[in-house]
Amino acid sequence: MARIATMDLSSAFKPHWFSSDIDSLDTEAQADLKNNCELPRHIAVIMDGNGRWARLKGKTRVEGHAAGVDSVRDVVEACAQLGIGYLTLFTFSTENWKRPEKEVSALMQLLIRVLRKETRELHDNNIRLNVIGNLNLLPEKVRHVLRETMELTKNNSRLVLSIALSYSGKWDIVQACRSIAFDVQNGQLEAKDIDEQLFSSCLSTASIPDPELLIRTSGEFRISNFMLWQSAYTEIYFTNTYWPDFRRSQLYEAIRDFQSRERRFGQTSEQINTKKTATK
């Protein structure tokens, strides 16, 4: 379990929540997205490139992670304003525990600082915090702050903000298998009853829909063990932008790209077009 060190990250926090509400150009851009085509119900983001961004700026990796907080705030705000129901951010993977202890410790402290600083803003703007992952591996201080934020925001409905902490897709699938196997072993479930719907209900994401759009920053072309089951039919958007430079304008580009795609789910284009015509 990571030790939480003490360090000064106060310069990373400059909260100006929903200041863009008075930005007419941004309001117009959002209206265009809403009018253009259906918006994704759930967007997931692999926030990558903090370390490389910091290296280019002559900063430490921890400063890179801290700089990414502004990107988180801007993307959360934009999704809430657009009416996106669910946003999931891949914050810390199970593989990230292998990083140097000093960096992991700083990341845990940064997480605590962000939650304490932003919880009231999340609540005041009707945003609910949800957390997925193997939380038993997190320091108790982190789990305590997470519980406080989730309890305060549990009835909020504008946007469900899920943070994937100590998470991996393989872990999620394995823990679901264990849960099902336990129920079969104890006679609460028969093997013939196991189907995709049951399996999905045993994942850590059971309370949220599968993502329709997955964004990966920093120019990497992989999903890095993230939502492996849930992303079976997810549209994936890759961008070269490092996460600390990713803002709502880049989010809008990803959504426009999503809206330009034809989602067939195994059907033909002709079948999709026929259904669209029938519903008009």
Protein backbone atom coordinates (compact mmCIF):
# COMPACT_ATOMS: atom_id res chain seq x y z
CA MET A 1 0.00 0.00 0.00
CA ALA A 2 1.34 3.39 -0.95
CA ARG A 3 2.64 5.77 1.67
CA ILE A 4 1.27 9.30 1.29
CA ALA A 5 4.02 11.90 1.39
CA THR A 6 3.59 15.60 2.07
CA MET A 7 4.31 18.02 -0.75
CA ASP A 8 3.08 21.39 -2.00
CA LEU A 9 0.68 21.14 -4.94
CA SER A 10 -1.40 24.21 -4.15
CA SER A 11 -0.56 25.89 -7.45
CA ALA A 12 -2.39 23.11 -9.31
CA PHE A 13 -5.82 24.20 -8.11
CA LYS A 14 -7.52 27.19 -9.70
CA PRO A 15 -11.21 26.29 -9.59
CA HIS A 16 -13.47 28.27 -11.91
CA TRP A 17 -16.34 25.87 -12.33
CA PHE A 18 -18.79 26.51 -15.16
CA SER A 19 -17.33 29.91 -16.03
CA SER A 20 -17.89 28.88 -19.66
CA ASP A 21 -21.66 29.23 -19.15
CA ILE A 22 -21.26 32.84 -20.27
CA ASP A 23 -19.11 31.99 -23.32
CA SER A 24 -21.39 32.53 -26.33
CA LEU A 25 -19.01 30.81 -28.77
CA ASP A 26 -18.84 27.71 -26.59
CA THR A 27 -22.62 27.71 -26.19
CA GLU A 28 -22.94 27.86 -29.97
CA ALA A 29 -20.48 24.99 -30.43
CA GLN A 30 -22.42 22.85 -27.99
CA ALA A 31 -25.71 23.67 -29.72
CA ASP A 32 -24.23 22.55 -33.04
CA LEU A 33 -23.21 19.22 -31.50
CA LYS A 34 -26.67 18.71 -30.05
CA ASN A 35 -28.36 19.54 -33.35
CA ASN A 36 -25.96 17.61 -35.56
CA CYS A 37 -26.67 14.09 -34.39
CA GLU A 38 -27.23 11.97 -31.30
CA LEU A 39 -24.68 12.53 -28.54
CA PRO A 40 -22.94 9.59 -26.87
CA ARG A 41 -24.66 8.66 -23.64
CA HIS A 42 -21.41 7.54 -21.99
CA ILE A 43 -17.89 8.80 -22.75
CA ALA A 44 -14.82 7.11 -21.31
CA VAL A 45 -11.35 8.65 -21.38
CA ILE A 46 -7.87 7.17 -21.00
CA MET A 47 -6.03 10.24 -19.74
CA ASP A 48 -2.51 9.63 -20.99
CA GLY A 49 0.59 11.75 -21.57
CA ASN A 50 1.01 13.65 -18.30
CA GLY A 51 4.61 12.49 -17.90
CA ARG A 52 5.64 13.25 -21.47
CA TRP A 53 3.95 16.65 -21.29
CA ALA A 54 5.93 17.41 -18.12
CA ARG A 55 9.22 16.32 -19.69
CA LEU A 56 8.68 18.64 -22.66
CA LYS A 57 7.98 21.49 -20.23
CA GLY A 58 11.01 20.75 -18.05
CA LYS A 59 8.75 19.77 -15.14
CA THR A 60 8.48 16.70 -12.92
CA ARG A 61 6.05 13.87 -13.67
CA VAL A 62 4.03 14.81 -10.60
CA GLU A 63 3.65 18.36 -11.93
CA GLY A 64 2.38 16.82 -15.14
CA HIS A 65 -0.29 14.90 -13.24
CA ALA A 66 -1.27 18.06 -11.37
CA ALA A 67 -1.56 19.99 -14.64
CA GLY A 68 -4.02 17.39 -15.87
CA VAL A 69 -6.51 18.43 -13.16
CA ASP A 70 -7.56 21.47 -15.19
CA SER A 71 -8.29 19.19 -18.15
CA VAL A 72 -10.44 16.97 -15.94
CA ARG A 73 -12.44 19.96 -14.73
CA ASP A 74 -12.99 21.33 -18.23
CA VAL A 75 -14.07 17.98 -19.69
CA VAL A 76 -16.41 17.29 -16.75
CA GLU A 77 -18.01 20.73 -17.17
CA ALA A 78 -18.41 20.32 -20.93
CA CYS A 79 -20.01 16.89 -20.59
CA ALA A 80 -22.43 18.20 -17.97
CA GLN A 81 -23.36 21.16 -20.15
CA LEU A 82 -23.89 18.95 -23.19
CA GLY A 83 -26.15 16.59 -21.27
CA ILE A 84 -23.80 13.61 -21.45
CA GLY A 85 -25.14 11.27 -18.78
CA TYR A 86 -21.97 9.37 -17.92
CA LEU A 87 -18.24 10.17 -17.99
CA THR A 88 -15.59 7.68 -16.90
CA LEU A 89 -11.95 8.69 -16.41
CA PHE A 90 -9.17 6.09 -16.26
CA THR A 91 -7.22 7.65 -13.41
CA PHE A 92 -4.97 4.92 -12.00
CA SER A 93 -4.58 1.34 -13.26
CA THR A 94 -3.59 -1.75 -11.31
CA GLU A 95 -0.38 -1.72 -13.38
CA ASN A 96 0.39 1.80 -12.12
CA TRP A 97 1.18 0.35 -8.69
CA LYS A 98 4.48 -0.75 -10.28
CA ARG A 99 5.59 2.86 -10.67
CA PRO A 100 8.19 4.39 -8.32
CA GLU A 101 6.86 4.66 -4.76
CA LYS A 102 7.50 8.41 -4.64
CA GLU A 103 5.33 9.01 -7.73
CA VAL A 104 2.53 6.74 -6.48
CA SER A 105 2.56 8.49 -3.12
CA ALA A 106 2.35 11.89 -4.80
CA LEU A 107 -0.53 10.70 -6.98
CA MET A 108 -2.46 9.55 -3.92
CA GLN A 109 -1.90 12.92 -2.24
CA LEU A 110 -2.97 14.72 -5.41
CA LEU A 111 -6.16 12.67 -5.51
CA ILE A 112 -6.99 13.61 -1.92
CA ARG A 113 -6.32 17.29 -2.60
CA VAL A 114 -8.49 17.30 -5.73
CA LEU A 115 -11.39 15.56 -4.01
CA ARG A 116 -11.32 17.87 -1.01
CA LYS A 117 -11.08 20.92 -3.23
CA GLU A 118 -13.70 19.94 -5.80
CA THR A 119 -16.30 17.90 -3.90
CA ARG A 120 -18.48 20.89 -3.03
CA GLU A 121 -18.38 22.07 -6.65
CA LEU A 122 -19.39 18.63 -7.87
CA HIS A 123 -22.29 18.56 -5.45
CA ASP A 124 -23.44 22.12 -6.13
CA ASN A 125 -23.52 21.34 -9.86
CA ASN A 126 -25.55 18.13 -9.41
CA ILE A 127 -22.69 15.77 -10.38
CA ARG A 128 -22.44 12.35 -8.74
CA LEU A 129 -19.09 10.70 -8.09
CA ASN A 130 -18.78 6.96 -8.69
CA VAL A 131 -15.60 4.90 -8.26
CA ILE A 132 -14.69 1.58 -9.90
CA GLY A 133 -11.68 -0.61 -9.24
CA ASN A 134 -9.96 -2.66 -6.56
CA LEU A 135 -10.28 -0.03 -3.84
CA ASN A 136 -8.86 -2.34 -1.17
CA LEU A 137 -5.40 -1.53 -2.53
CA LEU A 138 -5.81 2.20 -1.91
CA PRO A 139 -4.56 3.87 1.29
CA GLU A 140 -7.29 4.26 3.91
CA LYS A 141 -7.01 8.05 3.76
CA VAL A 142 -7.91 7.95 0.05
CA ARG A 143 -10.80 5.53 0.63
CA HIS A 144 -12.13 7.78 3.40
CA VAL A 145 -12.23 10.88 1.18
CA LEU A 146 -13.79 8.89 -1.65
CA ARG A 147 -16.54 7.60 0.66
CA GLU A 148 -17.28 11.13 1.85
CA THR A 149 -17.58 12.49 -1.69
CA MET A 150 -19.71 9.59 -2.92
CA GLU A 151 -22.02 9.88 0.07
CA LEU A 152 -22.49 13.63 -0.40
CA THR A 153 -23.17 13.36 -4.14
CA LYS A 154 -25.08 10.04 -4.25
CA ASN A 155 -28.44 11.59 -5.16
CA ASN A 156 -27.13 13.92 -7.88
CA SER A 157 -28.37 13.29 -11.41
CA ARG A 158 -26.91 15.75 -13.93
CA LEU A 159 -23.81 13.65 -14.66
CA VAL A 160 -22.35 10.45 -13.23
CA LEU A 161 -18.60 10.95 -13.04
CA SER A 162 -16.89 7.58 -12.61
CA ILE A 163 -13.24 7.43 -11.63
CA ALA A 164 -11.40 4.20 -12.43
CA LEU A 165 -8.90 3.75 -9.59
CA SER A 166 -6.68 0.73 -9.14
CA TYR A 167 -8.67 -0.64 -12.07
CA SER A 168 -8.00 -3.01 -14.94
CA GLY A 169 -10.33 -4.71 -17.37
CA LYS A 170 -8.82 -8.13 -16.64
CA TRP A 171 -9.31 -7.63 -12.90
CA ASP A 172 -12.92 -6.63 -13.53
CA ILE A 173 -13.59 -9.79 -15.56
CA VAL A 174 -11.85 -12.06 -13.05
CA GLN A 175 -13.73 -10.66 -10.06
CA ALA A 176 -17.01 -11.11 -11.96
CA CYS A 177 -16.09 -14.74 -12.69
CA ARG A 178 -15.30 -15.33 -9.02
CA SER A 179 -18.64 -13.86 -7.98
CA ILE A 180 -20.54 -16.07 -10.39
CA ALA A 181 -18.51 -19.16 -9.46
CA PHE A 182 -19.23 -18.53 -5.78
CA ASP A 183 -22.98 -18.34 -6.46
CA VAL A 184 -22.86 -21.57 -8.49
CA GLN A 185 -20.85 -23.31 -5.79
CA ASN A 186 -23.37 -22.31 -3.15
CA GLY A 187 -26.37 -23.38 -5.19
CA GLN A 188 -27.67 -19.85 -5.76
CA LEU A 189 -27.12 -20.06 -9.50
CA GLU A 190 -27.02 -22.74 -12.18
CA ALA A 191 -24.42 -22.76 -14.94
CA LYS A 192 -27.13 -22.71 -17.60
CA ASP A 193 -28.34 -19.36 -16.24
CA ILE A 194 -25.07 -17.58 -17.02
CA ASP A 195 -25.41 -15.22 -19.97
CA GLU A 196 -24.00 -11.87 -21.08
CA GLN A 197 -26.56 -9.90 -19.10
CA LEU A 198 -25.77 -11.76 -15.89
CA PHE A 199 -22.04 -11.39 -16.44
CA SER A 200 -22.37 -7.64 -17.03
CA SER A 201 -24.33 -7.31 -13.80
CA CYS A 202 -21.34 -8.71 -11.87
CA LEU A 203 -18.84 -6.19 -13.24
CA SER A 204 -17.86 -3.07 -11.31
CA THR A 205 -19.64 -1.04 -13.98
CA ALA A 206 -23.02 -2.74 -13.46
CA SER A 207 -24.67 0.55 -12.48
CA ILE A 208 -23.63 2.43 -15.63
CA PRO A 209 -24.15 1.76 -19.36
CA ASP A 210 -21.29 0.61 -21.57
CA PRO A 211 -19.33 3.52 -23.10
CA GLU A 212 -20.28 4.54 -26.62
CA LEU A 213 -17.16 6.65 -27.12
CA LEU A 214 -13.68 5.95 -25.74
CA ILE A 215 -11.04 8.68 -26.07
CA ARG A 216 -7.32 7.93 -25.71
CA THR A 217 -4.91 10.87 -25.54
CA SER A 218 -1.14 11.13 -26.17
CA GLY A 219 -0.90 9.31 -29.50
CA GLU A 220 -0.94 5.75 -28.17
CA PHE A 221 -3.10 3.26 -30.09
CA ARG A 222 -4.25 0.81 -27.44
CA ILE A 223 -6.85 0.63 -24.69
CA SER A 224 -4.39 -0.49 -21.99
CA ASN A 225 -6.52 -3.05 -20.15
CA PHE A 226 -9.44 -0.62 -19.73
CA MET A 227 -13.09 -1.73 -19.86
CA LEU A 228 -12.31 -4.78 -21.99
CA TRP A 229 -15.77 -6.34 -21.74
CA GLN A 230 -17.65 -3.04 -21.81
CA SER A 231 -15.90 -1.73 -24.94
CA ALA A 232 -17.03 -4.51 -27.30
CA TYR A 233 -18.96 -2.03 -29.46
CA THR A 234 -17.41 1.23 -28.31
CA GLU A 235 -16.22 3.75 -30.90
CA ILE A 236 -12.55 4.54 -30.17
CA TYR A 237 -11.01 7.93 -30.86
CA PHE A 238 -7.23 8.47 -30.66
CA THR A 239 -5.61 11.89 -30.43
CA ASN A 240 -1.95 12.95 -30.27
CA THR A 241 -2.79 15.64 -27.68
CA TYR A 242 -1.27 15.04 -24.25
CA TRP A 243 -3.85 15.01 -21.49
CA PRO A 244 -2.80 18.33 -19.80
CA ASP A 245 -3.46 20.07 -23.16
CA PHE A 246 -6.78 18.33 -23.78
CA ARG A 247 -9.72 20.69 -23.38
CA ARG A 248 -13.36 20.89 -24.40
CA SER A 249 -12.45 21.88 -27.96
CA GLN A 250 -10.67 18.53 -28.39
CA LEU A 251 -13.62 16.80 -26.73
CA TYR A 252 -15.95 18.38 -29.28
CA GLU A 253 -13.72 17.09 -32.11
CA ALA A 254 -13.98 13.58 -30.70
CA ILE A 255 -17.77 13.85 -30.45
CA ARG A 256 -18.03 15.15 -34.02
CA ASP A 257 -15.98 12.19 -35.18
CA PHE A 258 -18.28 9.87 -33.23
CA GLN A 259 -21.33 11.45 -34.83
CA SER A 260 -19.87 10.88 -38.31
CA ARG A 261 -19.57 7.12 -37.80
CA GLU A 262 -22.17 4.53 -38.70
CA ARG A 263 -22.79 2.20 -35.78
CA ARG A 264 -24.04 -1.09 -37.26
CA PHE A 265 -23.66 -3.59 -34.38
CA GLY A 266 -23.21 -6.47 -36.84
CA GLN A 267 -25.92 -5.34 -39.24
CA THR A 268 -25.56 -3.95 -42.74
CA SER A 269 -25.77 -0.30 -43.72
CA GLU A 270 -28.97 -1.06 -45.60
CA GLN A 271 -30.59 -2.46 -42.46
CA ILE A 272 -29.59 0.59 -40.43
CA ASN A 273 -30.88 3.01 -43.06
CA THR A 274 -34.16 1.11 -43.33
CA LYS A 275 -34.68 1.38 -39.57
CA LYS A 276 -33.89 5.10 -39.65
CA THR A 277 -36.40 5.66 -42.45
CA ALA A 278 -39.08 3.67 -40.59
CA THR A 279 -38.72 5.80 -37.46
CA LYS A 280 -39.04 9.14 -39.29
